[in-house]
Every structure is written in structure tokens, then in C-alpha cells.
Amino acid sequence: MGIIKIIILFVLAAAAEIGGAWLVWQAVREDKTWWWAALGVVALGAYGFIASLQADANFGRVLAAYGGVFIAGSLVWGMIFDKFSPDRWDIMGALVALAGVSIIMFAPRGA
């Protein structure tokens, strides 16, 4: 699987998981109607499906790498949907996490 496809799958998975969690949060914490939570549950299920499309057969590796994508994606989501302003430490932490993703997913491994 090419690097571009791996990245696209991580971005789609992040949108589904972060979006799903945000929808549930909105229903519970911001008094949105119940169907926001229902949509969130559907989105969270979609996340699980999308993550399983990664070519790497190691569940732990894919989920560990996705954790870094989740960190950066959550900050971006907050900026877009909640008008959150990350500080330099948030940004530095996200960059470190994305460096970890790159190491986990793209390091050369012996056969």
C-alpha cells in the first residue's frame, strides 16, 4: 500500500472517530438532541471499519500509529468546530506524535 493511501485512510479514520466522539459530546455535554449521539455511534463504527483497511496486518501497530494521528487531528478538529486555539506546546506535542506515526508506519523492516 502506498504512503498516500495509508495517509488517506488515517485521515478518514480520524474524521470518523473524532467526529463521532464530538457528536456524542455535543449530545451529552451541549444538550443536543439524542440523534447527535446516535450519529456519533455510527461514525465511531465507521472508524473501526476504516482502520481495518490499512495494509499492515498488525492491529497494535496500526492503532499505535493512529494514536498520533488522533492527537493532531483532535487539535485540528477543535480549531475548526470549537474555535480552539492550540498553543505552541499543543503544536509541538502534535508534531512529536506525528513523527512517531512516521517511524511506526514507514520505518524499514526486515522480511
Protein backbone atom coordinates (compact mmCIF):
# COMPACT_ATOMS: atom_id res chain seq x y z
CA MET A 1 0.00 0.00 0.00
CA GLY A 2 1.41 3.38 -0.93
CA ILE A 3 2.15 6.13 1.54
CA ILE A 4 -0.63 8.32 0.12
CA LYS A 5 -3.26 5.62 0.63
CA ILE A 6 -2.06 5.00 4.20
CA ILE A 7 -2.30 8.72 4.97
CA ILE A 8 -5.77 9.00 3.39
CA LEU A 9 -7.02 6.07 5.47
CA PHE A 10 -5.62 7.63 8.64
CA VAL A 11 -7.26 10.98 7.85
CA LEU A 12 -10.62 9.30 7.13
CA ALA A 13 -10.36 7.22 10.30
CA ALA A 14 -9.52 10.33 12.31
CA ALA A 15 -12.50 12.22 10.89
CA ALA A 16 -14.82 9.33 11.73
CA GLU A 17 -13.54 8.77 15.27
CA ILE A 18 -13.06 12.37 16.28
CA GLY A 19 -16.30 13.39 14.59
CA GLY A 20 -18.17 10.53 16.26
CA ALA A 21 -16.81 11.37 19.69
CA TRP A 22 -17.60 15.07 19.11
CA LEU A 23 -21.20 14.26 18.16
CA VAL A 24 -21.64 12.21 21.35
CA TRP A 25 -20.02 15.02 23.35
CA GLN A 26 -22.43 17.52 21.82
CA ALA A 27 -25.43 15.36 22.73
CA VAL A 28 -24.30 14.74 26.29
CA ARG A 29 -22.50 17.96 27.24
CA GLU A 30 -24.09 20.57 25.00
CA ASP A 31 -27.70 19.34 25.18
CA LYS A 32 -28.05 18.49 21.51
CA THR A 33 -30.83 16.09 20.57
CA TRP A 34 -30.36 12.33 21.06
CA TRP A 35 -29.80 11.62 17.37
CA TRP A 36 -26.49 13.51 17.51
CA ALA A 37 -25.26 10.73 19.82
CA ALA A 38 -26.72 8.09 17.50
CA LEU A 39 -24.86 9.61 14.55
CA GLY A 40 -21.74 9.64 16.70
CA VAL A 41 -22.06 5.93 17.39
CA VAL A 42 -22.42 5.25 13.66
CA ALA A 43 -19.33 7.38 12.94
CA LEU A 44 -17.35 5.54 15.62
CA GLY A 45 -18.31 2.23 13.99
CA ALA A 46 -17.17 3.60 10.63
CA TYR A 47 -13.83 4.46 12.24
CA GLY A 48 -13.31 0.81 13.20
CA PHE A 49 -14.06 -0.31 9.67
CA ILE A 50 -11.82 2.31 8.04
CA ALA A 51 -8.90 1.49 10.36
CA SER A 52 -9.17 -2.18 9.35
CA LEU A 53 -8.47 -1.23 5.73
CA GLN A 54 -4.81 -0.46 6.47
CA ALA A 55 -2.49 -2.90 4.71
CA ASP A 56 -0.39 -3.59 7.81
CA ALA A 57 -1.72 -6.78 9.40
CA ASN A 58 -0.63 -5.79 12.91
CA PHE A 59 -3.59 -4.34 14.80
CA GLY A 60 -1.38 -2.98 17.58
CA ARG A 61 0.94 -1.18 15.17
CA VAL A 62 -1.89 0.42 13.20
CA LEU A 63 -3.69 1.54 16.38
CA ALA A 64 -0.49 2.83 17.97
CA ALA A 65 0.27 4.90 14.88
CA TYR A 66 -3.32 6.07 14.70
CA GLY A 67 -2.93 7.44 18.23
CA GLY A 68 -0.55 10.07 16.90
CA VAL A 69 -2.92 10.94 14.08
CA PHE A 70 -5.71 11.23 16.66
CA ILE A 71 -3.65 13.73 18.70
CA ALA A 72 -3.02 16.04 15.74
CA GLY A 73 -6.49 15.53 14.28
CA SER A 74 -8.18 16.36 17.58
CA LEU A 75 -6.41 19.70 17.73
CA VAL A 76 -7.37 20.50 14.14
CA TRP A 77 -10.98 19.43 14.80
CA GLY A 78 -11.11 21.69 17.85
CA MET A 79 -9.78 24.61 15.82
CA ILE A 80 -12.41 24.15 13.12
CA PHE A 81 -15.50 23.21 15.13
CA ASP A 82 -14.90 24.68 18.59
CA LYS A 83 -12.72 27.70 17.75
CA PHE A 84 -9.95 26.22 19.92
CA SER A 85 -6.55 27.90 19.68
CA PRO A 86 -3.70 25.47 20.31
CA ASP A 87 -0.63 26.90 21.97
CA ARG A 88 2.94 26.17 20.95
CA TRP A 89 3.06 23.18 23.30
CA ASP A 90 -0.03 21.64 21.70
CA ILE A 91 1.55 22.08 18.29
CA MET A 92 4.93 20.73 19.41
CA GLY A 93 3.25 17.71 21.00
CA ALA A 94 1.26 17.02 17.83
CA LEU A 95 4.42 17.22 15.71
CA VAL A 96 6.21 14.79 18.02
CA ALA A 97 3.23 12.43 17.81
CA LEU A 98 3.21 12.63 14.00
CA ALA A 99 6.94 11.91 13.96
CA GLY A 100 6.14 8.79 15.97
CA VAL A 101 3.47 7.83 13.43
CA SER A 102 6.02 8.13 10.64
CA ILE A 103 8.53 5.95 12.49
CA ILE A 104 5.94 3.29 13.32
CA MET A 105 4.38 3.11 9.86
CA PHE A 106 7.23 3.83 7.49
CA ALA A 107 10.43 2.54 9.13
CA PRO A 108 12.18 -0.07 7.00
CA ARG A 109 11.61 -3.51 8.43
CA GLY A 110 13.37 -6.72 7.57
CA ALA A 111 11.40 -9.52 5.97
